[in-house]
Amino acid sequence: MTLLLPAREVLQGSYLLNQLVTLREEVADQLGDVPVPDVQVYVVRSARDFNTLTQNRIPHWGIGVAYPQAKTIILRYRPGQTEALLRTARHEFSHILLHHAIHETGNRVPVWFNEGLAMWVAREWRLQQSFGVAVAAIRGELIPLGEVNYVLGFGANRAHLAYDQS
């Protein structure tokens, strides 16, 4: 695994690299017998750097993205948010490992399944998500699962609901 950080972050880099290697192995264990590719992980602090690396393709609410074919993860770190960074890394590792497990079979999985699995792997599901989905169901505001494919074009609230439904 390669970890790319700004020069001023080198001291934290070895700790973070060890954590990321451990997370990747844990995610692989959770998903079963899946290939574990070498992954490049970029960690940036500024929205500007994040937007540059993601070519402005990720909405303002995004803090992490995986490019499975490129075996690359880009994470935005906010000071004091190490646990959130690691949770996001776990989520993004799930996308990469699932892609490489499925890719070998020539099949694809729907976005809603991919996101739901990533949320499960990252332990992101909380009672609050269940409540939000229940309220959306009562109001008739659930998002058809086929529309989850377009989650990156959603506003923050609709995107959170789409992820939660997944």
Protein backbone atom coordinates (compact mmCIF):
# COMPACT_ATOMS: atom_id res chain seq x y z
CA MET A 1 0.00 0.00 0.00
CA THR A 2 1.17 3.49 -0.77
CA LEU A 3 0.13 6.43 1.41
CA LEU A 4 0.54 9.90 -0.07
CA LEU A 5 0.42 12.81 2.38
CA PRO A 6 1.50 16.44 2.42
CA ALA A 7 5.12 16.72 3.65
CA ARG A 8 4.06 18.30 6.96
CA GLU A 9 2.10 15.14 7.81
CA VAL A 10 5.03 12.70 7.67
CA LEU A 11 5.12 12.08 11.43
CA GLN A 12 1.50 10.98 11.43
CA GLY A 13 2.04 9.04 8.21
CA SER A 14 3.51 5.85 9.68
CA TYR A 15 0.67 5.56 12.21
CA LEU A 16 -1.89 6.18 9.49
CA LEU A 17 -0.26 3.73 7.09
CA ASN A 18 -0.31 0.99 9.75
CA GLN A 19 -3.98 1.72 10.46
CA LEU A 20 -4.86 1.62 6.76
CA VAL A 21 -3.05 -1.67 6.17
CA THR A 22 -4.91 -3.18 9.12
CA LEU A 23 -8.24 -1.81 7.87
CA ARG A 24 -7.69 -3.22 4.39
CA GLU A 25 -7.04 -6.67 5.87
CA GLU A 26 -10.11 -6.42 8.14
CA VAL A 27 -12.31 -5.45 5.20
CA ALA A 28 -10.93 -8.36 3.17
CA ASP A 29 -11.76 -10.70 6.06
CA GLN A 30 -15.30 -9.32 6.28
CA LEU A 31 -15.87 -9.81 2.56
CA GLY A 32 -14.50 -13.34 2.53
CA ASP A 33 -11.96 -14.79 0.14
CA VAL A 34 -11.37 -11.71 -2.03
CA PRO A 35 -8.25 -10.49 -3.79
CA VAL A 36 -6.38 -7.79 -1.86
CA PRO A 37 -4.77 -5.44 -4.38
CA ASP A 38 -2.10 -2.90 -3.59
CA VAL A 39 -3.85 0.45 -3.13
CA GLN A 40 -2.68 4.06 -3.31
CA VAL A 41 -4.27 6.26 -0.66
CA TYR A 42 -4.10 10.05 -0.89
CA VAL A 43 -4.90 12.00 2.28
CA VAL A 44 -5.43 15.74 1.90
CA ARG A 45 -6.63 18.45 4.26
CA SER A 46 -8.02 21.12 1.98
CA ALA A 47 -11.15 21.08 -0.14
CA ARG A 48 -9.03 22.55 -2.93
CA ASP A 49 -6.59 19.62 -2.91
CA PHE A 50 -9.47 17.14 -2.67
CA ASN A 51 -11.23 18.76 -5.61
CA THR A 52 -8.02 18.81 -7.64
CA LEU A 53 -7.35 15.11 -7.06
CA THR A 54 -10.97 14.15 -7.76
CA GLN A 55 -11.16 16.50 -10.77
CA ASN A 56 -14.14 18.26 -9.15
CA ARG A 57 -16.30 15.16 -9.64
CA ILE A 58 -17.25 14.70 -5.99
CA PRO A 59 -19.95 16.88 -4.40
CA HIS A 60 -19.12 19.27 -1.57
CA TRP A 61 -20.48 16.78 0.97
CA GLY A 62 -18.03 14.03 -0.10
CA ILE A 63 -15.01 13.28 2.08
CA GLY A 64 -13.75 10.16 0.38
CA VAL A 65 -13.81 8.40 -2.96
CA ALA A 66 -12.53 5.14 -4.35
CA TYR A 67 -11.44 4.60 -7.92
CA PRO A 68 -11.49 0.78 -7.97
CA GLN A 69 -9.97 0.25 -11.41
CA ALA A 70 -7.10 2.58 -10.53
CA LYS A 71 -6.84 1.01 -7.05
CA THR A 72 -6.84 4.51 -5.59
CA ILE A 73 -8.57 6.12 -2.62
CA ILE A 74 -8.69 9.86 -1.96
CA LEU A 75 -9.62 10.99 1.54
CA ARG A 76 -10.16 14.43 2.98
CA TYR A 77 -8.85 14.68 6.55
CA ARG A 78 -10.21 17.22 8.96
CA PRO A 79 -8.17 17.94 12.11
CA GLY A 80 -9.36 15.88 15.07
CA GLN A 81 -11.32 13.55 12.79
CA THR A 82 -8.98 10.56 12.63
CA GLU A 83 -11.74 8.07 13.48
CA ALA A 84 -13.98 9.50 10.75
CA LEU A 85 -11.08 9.29 8.31
CA LEU A 86 -10.50 5.63 9.16
CA ARG A 87 -14.23 4.84 8.91
CA THR A 88 -14.31 6.49 5.49
CA ALA A 89 -11.20 4.54 4.46
CA ARG A 90 -12.92 1.30 5.50
CA HIS A 91 -15.92 2.28 3.34
CA GLU A 92 -13.70 3.05 0.34
CA PHE A 93 -11.61 -0.14 0.75
CA SER A 94 -14.88 -2.06 0.54
CA HIS A 95 -15.56 -0.57 -2.90
CA ILE A 96 -12.11 -1.51 -4.18
CA LEU A 97 -12.10 -5.04 -2.79
CA LEU A 98 -15.65 -5.76 -3.97
CA HIS A 99 -14.80 -4.44 -7.43
CA HIS A 100 -11.77 -6.71 -7.72
CA ALA A 101 -13.69 -9.73 -6.40
CA ILE A 102 -16.57 -9.22 -8.84
CA HIS A 103 -14.48 -7.96 -11.77
CA GLU A 104 -12.79 -11.34 -12.09
CA THR A 105 -16.19 -12.93 -12.74
CA GLY A 106 -17.15 -10.38 -15.39
CA ASN A 107 -20.18 -9.31 -13.37
CA ARG A 108 -21.22 -6.01 -11.81
CA VAL A 109 -23.23 -5.16 -8.73
CA PRO A 110 -25.79 -2.35 -8.48
CA VAL A 111 -24.64 0.89 -6.85
CA TRP A 112 -27.19 0.51 -4.05
CA PHE A 113 -25.73 -2.90 -3.14
CA ASN A 114 -22.15 -1.61 -3.34
CA GLU A 115 -22.97 1.37 -1.09
CA GLY A 116 -25.00 -0.70 1.34
CA LEU A 117 -22.19 -3.21 1.68
CA ALA A 118 -19.66 -0.41 2.17
CA MET A 119 -21.81 1.12 4.92
CA TRP A 120 -22.08 -2.27 6.62
CA VAL A 121 -18.33 -2.89 6.36
CA ALA A 122 -17.58 0.60 7.72
CA ARG A 123 -20.09 0.14 10.56
CA GLU A 124 -21.80 3.38 9.51
CA TRP A 125 -25.35 2.22 10.17
CA ARG A 126 -26.92 3.80 13.26
CA LEU A 127 -30.42 4.08 14.68
CA GLN A 128 -30.59 7.57 13.19
CA GLN A 129 -30.39 6.07 9.69
CA SER A 130 -33.26 3.67 10.44
CA PHE A 131 -35.34 6.56 11.70
CA GLY A 132 -34.57 8.66 8.61
CA VAL A 133 -35.53 5.84 6.24
CA ALA A 134 -38.74 5.18 8.23
CA VAL A 135 -39.72 8.86 8.04
CA ALA A 136 -39.03 8.91 4.29
CA ALA A 137 -41.17 5.78 3.87
CA ILE A 138 -44.07 7.30 5.81
CA ARG A 139 -43.86 10.47 3.72
CA GLY A 140 -43.60 8.52 0.47
CA GLU A 141 -40.16 9.99 -0.17
CA LEU A 142 -38.08 6.85 -0.58
CA ILE A 143 -35.68 6.94 -3.49
CA PRO A 144 -36.09 4.16 -6.07
CA LEU A 145 -32.99 1.98 -5.79
CA GLY A 146 -32.23 2.46 -9.49
CA GLU A 147 -31.83 6.19 -8.85
CA VAL A 148 -29.10 5.54 -6.29
CA ASN A 149 -26.79 5.20 -9.32
CA TYR A 150 -26.92 8.99 -9.54
CA VAL A 151 -26.13 9.71 -5.87
CA LEU A 152 -23.16 11.93 -6.72
CA GLY A 153 -25.57 14.33 -8.37
CA PHE A 154 -27.82 14.57 -5.29
CA GLY A 155 -27.82 17.29 -2.66
CA ALA A 156 -26.47 16.30 0.76
CA ASN A 157 -29.80 15.32 2.38
CA ARG A 158 -31.01 13.25 -0.57
CA ALA A 159 -27.58 11.62 -0.86
CA HIS A 160 -27.61 10.64 2.82
CA LEU A 161 -31.06 9.10 2.37
CA ALA A 162 -29.85 7.20 -0.71
CA TYR A 163 -26.86 5.81 1.20
CA ASP A 164 -29.08 4.93 4.17
CA GLN A 165 -31.59 3.11 1.98
CA SER A 166 -28.78 1.12 0.42
